N, C-alpha and C. Protein backbone atom coordinates (compact mmCIF):
# COMPACT_ATOMS: atom_id res chain seq x y z
N MET A 1 96.63 79.23 89.18
CA MET A 1 96.57 79.65 90.58
C MET A 1 96.10 81.10 90.64
N ALA A 2 95.09 81.32 91.42
CA ALA A 2 94.55 82.67 91.57
C ALA A 2 95.46 83.52 92.45
N ILE A 3 95.49 84.78 92.15
CA ILE A 3 96.27 85.71 92.96
C ILE A 3 95.47 86.03 94.22
N ARG A 4 96.12 85.90 95.37
CA ARG A 4 95.43 86.17 96.64
C ARG A 4 95.38 87.66 96.89
N SER A 5 94.32 88.10 97.53
CA SER A 5 94.18 89.51 97.87
C SER A 5 95.12 89.85 99.03
N VAL A 6 95.35 91.11 99.23
CA VAL A 6 96.16 91.57 100.35
C VAL A 6 95.56 91.09 101.66
N ASN A 7 94.24 91.17 101.80
CA ASN A 7 93.60 90.72 103.03
C ASN A 7 93.83 89.24 103.27
N GLU A 8 93.79 88.43 102.20
CA GLU A 8 94.04 87.00 102.34
C GLU A 8 95.49 86.74 102.75
N MET A 9 96.42 87.45 102.14
CA MET A 9 97.83 87.28 102.50
C MET A 9 98.09 87.72 103.94
N MET A 10 97.46 88.79 104.36
CA MET A 10 97.63 89.27 105.74
C MET A 10 97.05 88.27 106.73
N ALA A 11 95.90 87.69 106.42
CA ALA A 11 95.28 86.70 107.30
C ALA A 11 96.18 85.48 107.43
N ALA A 12 96.76 85.04 106.31
CA ALA A 12 97.67 83.89 106.34
C ALA A 12 98.91 84.21 107.17
N ALA A 13 99.44 85.41 107.02
CA ALA A 13 100.64 85.80 107.79
C ALA A 13 100.33 85.85 109.28
N ARG A 14 99.16 86.36 109.64
CA ARG A 14 98.79 86.46 111.06
C ARG A 14 98.71 85.09 111.72
N GLU A 15 98.43 84.06 110.95
CA GLU A 15 98.38 82.70 111.50
C GLU A 15 99.78 82.17 111.83
N GLU A 16 100.80 82.79 111.27
CA GLU A 16 102.17 82.30 111.42
C GLU A 16 103.01 83.10 112.41
N ILE A 17 102.49 84.22 112.87
CA ILE A 17 103.30 85.09 113.74
C ILE A 17 102.69 85.21 115.13
N THR A 18 103.50 85.68 116.04
CA THR A 18 103.05 85.99 117.40
C THR A 18 103.22 87.48 117.60
N ASN A 19 102.15 88.17 117.95
CA ASN A 19 102.24 89.59 118.25
C ASN A 19 102.63 89.77 119.70
N LEU A 20 103.52 90.73 119.94
CA LEU A 20 103.98 91.03 121.29
C LEU A 20 103.64 92.46 121.63
N SER A 21 103.37 92.70 122.89
CA SER A 21 103.22 94.07 123.36
C SER A 21 104.63 94.67 123.46
N PRO A 22 104.73 95.99 123.51
CA PRO A 22 106.05 96.59 123.71
C PRO A 22 106.74 96.07 124.97
N ALA A 23 105.99 95.86 126.04
CA ALA A 23 106.59 95.36 127.29
C ALA A 23 107.13 93.95 127.10
N GLU A 24 106.37 93.10 126.38
CA GLU A 24 106.84 91.73 126.12
C GLU A 24 108.09 91.74 125.24
N ALA A 25 108.11 92.61 124.24
CA ALA A 25 109.28 92.70 123.37
C ALA A 25 110.50 93.15 124.15
N LYS A 26 110.33 94.13 125.02
CA LYS A 26 111.46 94.59 125.84
C LYS A 26 111.95 93.49 126.76
N GLN A 27 111.03 92.77 127.37
CA GLN A 27 111.41 91.68 128.27
C GLN A 27 112.22 90.62 127.52
N ARG A 28 111.78 90.26 126.33
CA ARG A 28 112.50 89.26 125.54
C ARG A 28 113.85 89.79 125.06
N ALA A 29 113.89 91.08 124.69
CA ALA A 29 115.16 91.68 124.27
C ALA A 29 116.13 91.69 125.44
N ASP A 30 115.65 92.00 126.62
CA ASP A 30 116.50 91.99 127.81
C ASP A 30 117.05 90.59 128.09
N ALA A 31 116.32 89.56 127.63
CA ALA A 31 116.73 88.16 127.83
C ALA A 31 117.56 87.63 126.66
N GLY A 32 117.87 88.49 125.67
CA GLY A 32 118.75 88.08 124.59
C GLY A 32 118.18 88.10 123.20
N ALA A 33 116.88 88.33 123.05
CA ALA A 33 116.30 88.42 121.71
C ALA A 33 116.80 89.69 121.03
N LEU A 34 116.84 89.67 119.72
CA LEU A 34 117.26 90.84 118.96
C LEU A 34 116.04 91.46 118.29
N ILE A 35 115.82 92.72 118.53
CA ILE A 35 114.75 93.44 117.84
C ILE A 35 115.31 93.88 116.49
N VAL A 36 114.60 93.51 115.42
CA VAL A 36 114.99 93.87 114.07
C VAL A 36 113.98 94.89 113.57
N ASP A 37 114.45 96.10 113.36
CA ASP A 37 113.59 97.20 112.93
C ASP A 37 113.59 97.24 111.41
N ILE A 38 112.46 96.91 110.80
CA ILE A 38 112.39 96.83 109.34
C ILE A 38 111.82 98.09 108.70
N ARG A 39 111.69 99.14 109.49
CA ARG A 39 111.14 100.39 108.94
C ARG A 39 112.11 101.04 107.96
N ASP A 40 111.57 101.83 107.09
CA ASP A 40 112.34 102.61 106.13
C ASP A 40 113.23 103.61 106.88
N VAL A 41 114.38 103.90 106.31
CA VAL A 41 115.32 104.81 106.95
C VAL A 41 114.68 106.18 107.22
N ARG A 42 113.76 106.61 106.36
CA ARG A 42 113.09 107.90 106.59
C ARG A 42 112.21 107.86 107.84
N GLU A 43 111.61 106.70 108.11
CA GLU A 43 110.82 106.55 109.33
C GLU A 43 111.72 106.61 110.56
N LEU A 44 112.90 105.98 110.45
CA LEU A 44 113.84 106.03 111.58
C LEU A 44 114.26 107.46 111.86
N GLN A 45 114.55 108.20 110.80
CA GLN A 45 114.97 109.59 110.97
C GLN A 45 113.85 110.44 111.57
N LYS A 46 112.63 110.18 111.16
CA LYS A 46 111.49 110.97 111.63
C LYS A 46 111.05 110.57 113.03
N LEU A 47 111.00 109.25 113.31
CA LEU A 47 110.40 108.76 114.54
C LEU A 47 111.41 108.26 115.58
N GLY A 48 112.67 108.11 115.17
CA GLY A 48 113.69 107.64 116.10
C GLY A 48 113.92 106.15 115.99
N VAL A 49 114.97 105.71 116.65
CA VAL A 49 115.36 104.30 116.60
C VAL A 49 115.10 103.63 117.94
N ILE A 50 115.06 102.32 117.91
CA ILE A 50 114.90 101.54 119.13
C ILE A 50 116.31 101.23 119.63
N PRO A 51 116.68 101.65 120.82
CA PRO A 51 118.03 101.37 121.32
C PRO A 51 118.34 99.88 121.29
N GLY A 52 119.48 99.55 120.70
CA GLY A 52 119.93 98.16 120.64
C GLY A 52 119.35 97.35 119.50
N ALA A 53 118.43 97.93 118.73
CA ALA A 53 117.81 97.19 117.63
C ALA A 53 118.74 97.15 116.42
N LYS A 54 118.56 96.14 115.61
CA LYS A 54 119.27 96.00 114.34
C LYS A 54 118.36 96.53 113.25
N HIS A 55 118.85 97.47 112.45
CA HIS A 55 118.04 97.97 111.34
C HIS A 55 118.29 97.08 110.13
N ALA A 56 117.21 96.55 109.57
CA ALA A 56 117.26 95.74 108.35
C ALA A 56 116.09 96.18 107.49
N PRO A 57 116.35 97.00 106.48
CA PRO A 57 115.25 97.50 105.66
C PRO A 57 114.40 96.36 105.10
N ARG A 58 113.11 96.52 105.12
CA ARG A 58 112.19 95.48 104.70
C ARG A 58 112.53 94.95 103.31
N GLY A 59 112.92 95.82 102.41
CA GLY A 59 113.23 95.40 101.05
C GLY A 59 114.47 94.52 100.93
N MET A 60 115.31 94.50 101.96
CA MET A 60 116.54 93.71 101.93
C MET A 60 116.49 92.52 102.89
N LEU A 61 115.45 92.40 103.67
CA LEU A 61 115.41 91.43 104.76
C LEU A 61 115.72 90.01 104.30
N GLU A 62 115.05 89.52 103.28
CA GLU A 62 115.29 88.15 102.83
C GLU A 62 116.73 87.95 102.38
N PHE A 63 117.32 88.96 101.77
CA PHE A 63 118.71 88.86 101.32
C PHE A 63 119.68 88.80 102.50
N TRP A 64 119.39 89.57 103.54
CA TRP A 64 120.27 89.60 104.71
C TRP A 64 120.14 88.33 105.54
N VAL A 65 118.96 87.72 105.54
CA VAL A 65 118.72 86.51 106.34
C VAL A 65 119.27 85.26 105.65
N ASP A 66 119.19 85.20 104.34
CA ASP A 66 119.58 84.00 103.58
C ASP A 66 121.10 83.80 103.59
N PRO A 67 121.59 82.69 104.19
CA PRO A 67 123.04 82.47 104.23
C PRO A 67 123.67 82.27 102.85
N GLU A 68 122.88 81.97 101.84
CA GLU A 68 123.40 81.79 100.48
C GLU A 68 123.50 83.12 99.72
N SER A 69 122.94 84.17 100.27
CA SER A 69 122.93 85.47 99.60
C SER A 69 124.27 86.18 99.77
N PRO A 70 124.72 86.87 98.74
CA PRO A 70 125.94 87.67 98.90
C PRO A 70 125.76 88.82 99.88
N TYR A 71 124.53 89.13 100.24
CA TYR A 71 124.24 90.22 101.17
C TYR A 71 123.99 89.72 102.60
N HIS A 72 124.18 88.43 102.82
CA HIS A 72 123.90 87.83 104.13
C HIS A 72 124.60 88.59 105.26
N ASP A 73 123.86 88.83 106.32
CA ASP A 73 124.39 89.45 107.53
C ASP A 73 124.51 88.37 108.60
N PRO A 74 125.72 88.09 109.08
CA PRO A 74 125.92 86.99 110.05
C PRO A 74 125.08 87.09 111.31
N VAL A 75 124.58 88.26 111.66
CA VAL A 75 123.76 88.36 112.86
C VAL A 75 122.53 87.46 112.74
N PHE A 76 122.06 87.24 111.51
CA PHE A 76 120.86 86.41 111.33
C PHE A 76 121.16 84.92 111.39
N ALA A 77 122.41 84.55 111.51
CA ALA A 77 122.78 83.14 111.68
C ALA A 77 122.92 82.80 113.16
N GLU A 78 122.81 83.79 114.02
CA GLU A 78 122.94 83.55 115.46
C GLU A 78 121.75 82.76 115.99
N ASP A 79 122.02 81.95 116.99
CA ASP A 79 120.97 81.14 117.60
C ASP A 79 120.29 81.97 118.69
N ARG A 80 119.34 82.77 118.25
CA ARG A 80 118.60 83.63 119.17
C ARG A 80 117.23 83.95 118.59
N GLU A 81 116.39 84.50 119.40
CA GLU A 81 115.07 84.92 118.93
C GLU A 81 115.18 86.27 118.25
N PHE A 82 114.43 86.43 117.18
CA PHE A 82 114.38 87.71 116.46
C PHE A 82 112.95 88.25 116.57
N ILE A 83 112.86 89.51 116.92
CA ILE A 83 111.57 90.19 117.03
C ILE A 83 111.55 91.26 115.95
N PHE A 84 110.65 91.12 115.00
CA PHE A 84 110.58 92.06 113.88
C PHE A 84 109.57 93.16 114.17
N HIS A 85 110.05 94.39 114.01
CA HIS A 85 109.22 95.57 114.29
C HIS A 85 109.13 96.40 113.02
């Protein structure tokens, strides 16, 4: 199996996601969706946080989402929409 380039992986990912404008994200969050901020803690310190967002560092995201992981965060088991930023 050949290793895919970053551009190929990004193109495949774009086919699986829905991009939202900030206004759409706010509207959905106001309706109950949870914004999950995956930025590095240094970015949060430098640029600020999104009020009401859950911080989940990108490097830990799969561990926090997986219910079988010892690092699982129950918020990800909730029946709601998640918006990743």
